[in-house]
Protein backbone atom coordinates (compact mmCIF):
# COMPACT_ATOMS: atom_id res chain seq x y z
CA UNK A 1 21.77 30.84 20.07
CA UNK A 2 18.73 33.21 19.46
CA UNK A 3 20.09 36.92 20.16
CA UNK A 4 17.69 37.34 23.32
CA UNK A 5 18.25 33.77 24.57
CA UNK A 6 20.61 33.38 27.65
CA UNK A 7 24.37 31.98 27.82
CA UNK A 8 24.10 28.43 28.83
CA UNK A 9 26.95 28.55 30.50
CA UNK A 10 28.87 31.33 32.34
CA UNK A 11 32.31 30.82 31.25
CA UNK A 12 34.37 32.67 33.99
CA UNK A 13 32.63 30.60 36.69
CA UNK A 14 33.16 27.32 34.39
CA UNK A 15 37.00 28.03 34.02
CA UNK A 16 37.06 29.11 37.83
CA UNK A 17 35.78 25.66 38.83
CA UNK A 18 38.25 24.09 36.31
CA UNK A 19 40.71 25.58 37.88
CA UNK A 20 39.71 25.18 41.54
CA UNK A 21 39.04 21.25 40.62
CA UNK A 22 42.49 20.95 38.59
CA UNK A 23 43.37 17.56 37.96
CA UNK A 24 39.84 16.45 39.21
CA UNK A 25 37.89 18.35 36.75
CA UNK A 26 37.20 15.82 34.32
CA UNK A 27 36.14 13.10 36.95
CA UNK A 28 33.70 15.55 38.33
CA UNK A 29 32.32 16.49 34.98
CA UNK A 30 31.69 12.31 34.10
CA UNK A 31 29.88 12.55 37.38
CA UNK A 32 27.65 15.25 36.25
CA UNK A 33 27.37 13.40 32.69
CA UNK A 34 25.87 10.17 34.36
CA UNK A 35 24.00 12.15 37.26
CA UNK A 36 22.68 14.81 34.88
CA UNK A 37 21.40 12.35 32.48
CA UNK A 38 20.07 10.12 35.79
CA UNK A 39 17.85 13.58 37.15
CA UNK A 40 16.45 14.04 33.77
CA UNK A 41 15.25 10.49 33.29
CA UNK A 42 14.01 10.68 36.91
CA UNK A 43 11.89 13.65 37.04
CA UNK A 44 10.69 12.76 33.57
CA UNK A 45 9.44 9.69 34.58
CA UNK A 46 7.73 11.35 37.53
CA UNK A 47 5.99 13.81 36.01
CA UNK A 48 5.14 11.03 33.40
CA UNK A 49 3.56 9.57 36.36
CA UNK A 50 2.38 13.00 38.54
CA UNK A 51 4.51 12.10 41.51
CA UNK A 52 5.20 15.49 42.55
CA UNK A 53 7.42 14.38 45.32
CA UNK A 54 9.22 12.33 42.99
CA UNK A 55 10.08 16.05 41.33
CA UNK A 56 12.43 16.98 44.44
CA UNK A 57 15.28 15.39 44.91
CA UNK A 58 16.54 14.87 41.38
CA UNK A 59 16.19 18.68 40.57
CA UNK A 60 17.31 19.82 43.68
CA UNK A 61 20.50 17.56 42.57
CA UNK A 62 20.62 18.69 39.10
CA UNK A 63 20.56 22.08 40.16
CA UNK A 64 23.63 22.28 42.59
CA UNK A 65 25.66 19.92 40.05
CA UNK A 66 24.60 22.45 37.11
CA UNK A 67 25.25 25.41 39.48
CA UNK A 68 29.24 24.35 39.69
CA UNK A 69 29.69 24.34 36.58
CA UNK A 70 27.88 27.84 35.44
CA UNK A 71 25.57 26.18 33.57
CA UNK A 72 23.29 28.94 34.82
CA UNK A 73 20.05 28.27 32.54
CA UNK A 74 20.07 23.91 33.26
CA UNK A 75 20.30 25.27 36.80
CA UNK A 76 17.68 27.85 36.97
CA UNK A 77 15.71 25.44 35.41
CA UNK A 78 15.65 22.20 37.84
CA UNK A 79 15.35 25.17 40.76
CA UNK A 80 12.16 26.50 39.19
CA UNK A 81 11.05 22.32 38.72
CA UNK A 82 12.20 21.71 42.38
CA UNK A 83 10.48 25.27 44.09
CA UNK A 84 7.36 24.20 42.07
CA UNK A 85 7.18 20.87 43.43
CA UNK A 86 7.50 21.85 46.57
CA UNK A 87 4.80 24.32 46.87
CA UNK A 88 2.14 22.13 45.07
CA UNK A 89 3.40 19.27 47.59
CA UNK A 90 2.56 21.95 50.64
CA UNK A 91 -0.86 22.94 48.91
CA UNK A 92 -1.68 19.47 47.41
CA UNK A 93 -1.66 20.14 43.67
CA UNK A 94 -1.19 17.98 40.66
CA UNK A 95 2.81 19.15 39.16
CA UNK A 96 0.49 19.56 35.50
CA UNK A 97 1.50 22.85 35.88
CA UNK A 98 5.74 21.74 35.65
CA UNK A 99 5.17 20.09 31.72
CA UNK A 100 6.46 22.88 29.64
CA UNK A 101 9.32 23.72 31.79
CA UNK A 102 10.21 19.44 32.20
CA UNK A 103 9.72 19.18 28.77
CA UNK A 104 12.20 22.31 28.01
CA UNK A 105 14.56 20.30 30.89
CA UNK A 106 16.43 17.10 28.25
CA UNK A 107 17.18 19.95 25.74
CA UNK A 108 18.57 22.55 28.19
CA UNK A 109 20.74 19.59 29.51
CA UNK A 110 22.34 18.22 26.04
CA UNK A 111 23.01 21.23 24.85
CA UNK A 112 24.72 22.28 27.81
CA UNK A 113 26.49 19.33 28.49
CA UNK A 114 27.49 19.50 24.42
CA UNK A 115 29.14 22.67 25.31
CA UNK A 116 30.89 21.30 28.28
CA UNK A 117 31.93 18.74 26.56
CA UNK A 118 33.82 20.90 23.86
CA UNK A 119 35.19 23.37 26.26
CA UNK A 120 37.05 20.79 27.31
CA UNK A 121 38.35 18.62 24.21
CA UNK A 122 41.51 19.20 23.12
CA UNK A 123 40.51 18.73 19.60
CA UNK A 124 38.49 21.83 19.39
CA UNK A 125 40.12 25.23 18.63
CA UNK A 126 40.01 27.26 21.15
CA UNK A 127 38.45 31.31 20.64
CA UNK A 128 40.61 33.61 22.72
CA UNK A 129 38.54 36.64 24.13
CA UNK A 130 39.99 39.96 24.92
CA UNK A 131 40.24 39.24 29.01
CA UNK A 132 42.38 35.67 28.13
CA UNK A 133 46.17 35.86 28.43
CA UNK A 134 48.08 35.37 24.92
CA UNK A 135 51.48 33.52 25.64
CA UNK A 136 54.71 33.91 23.21
CA UNK A 137 55.30 30.11 22.98
CA UNK A 138 51.12 29.41 21.59
CA UNK A 139 52.79 28.00 18.22
CA UNK A 140 55.68 26.11 19.67
CA UNK A 141 56.01 22.60 18.11
CA UNK A 142 53.49 23.32 14.93
CA UNK A 143 54.98 23.65 11.40
C-alpha cells in the first residue's frame, strides 16, 4: 500500500462485525466472496453493454455488503458507481464517465477479499497492535 493510499479495511469495524456475527461470520464472508464477485461481473458487463440502469443494483449490493466488513474503500467505489449511474439515468447520459471507476473496481475487490481472507485464516500469523489485549497463555501448547 502506498503512503497516501487509504486503508482497504477498517480493522476496528471488521472485528466488531466478526464479534457481532459470531459463528455466522465465516458463512457471511463466503456469501460476500460469491455475491461480490457476481456484482463486479454484472457491473463490468453493464459497462461493456453501456447499460446504465444495469449498473445500479449490483453497485448498491456491493456497497452494502462491503460496508458490513469495514471495507470502506470498496464500498465508496460501489457507491460512486451507484449514485453516478442513477444521476446518468435521470439525465439520460451514457455511463462512459464511469469507465475509470469501474476499471478500478475488480482490483480493489480482489485486494480487499485477499486481506479479509488473510484476517480470518488461522494459519496466518497475527500482528498485535497496541490496543489489542495480550493474554498470558498465548504460547500455551507450543514447544
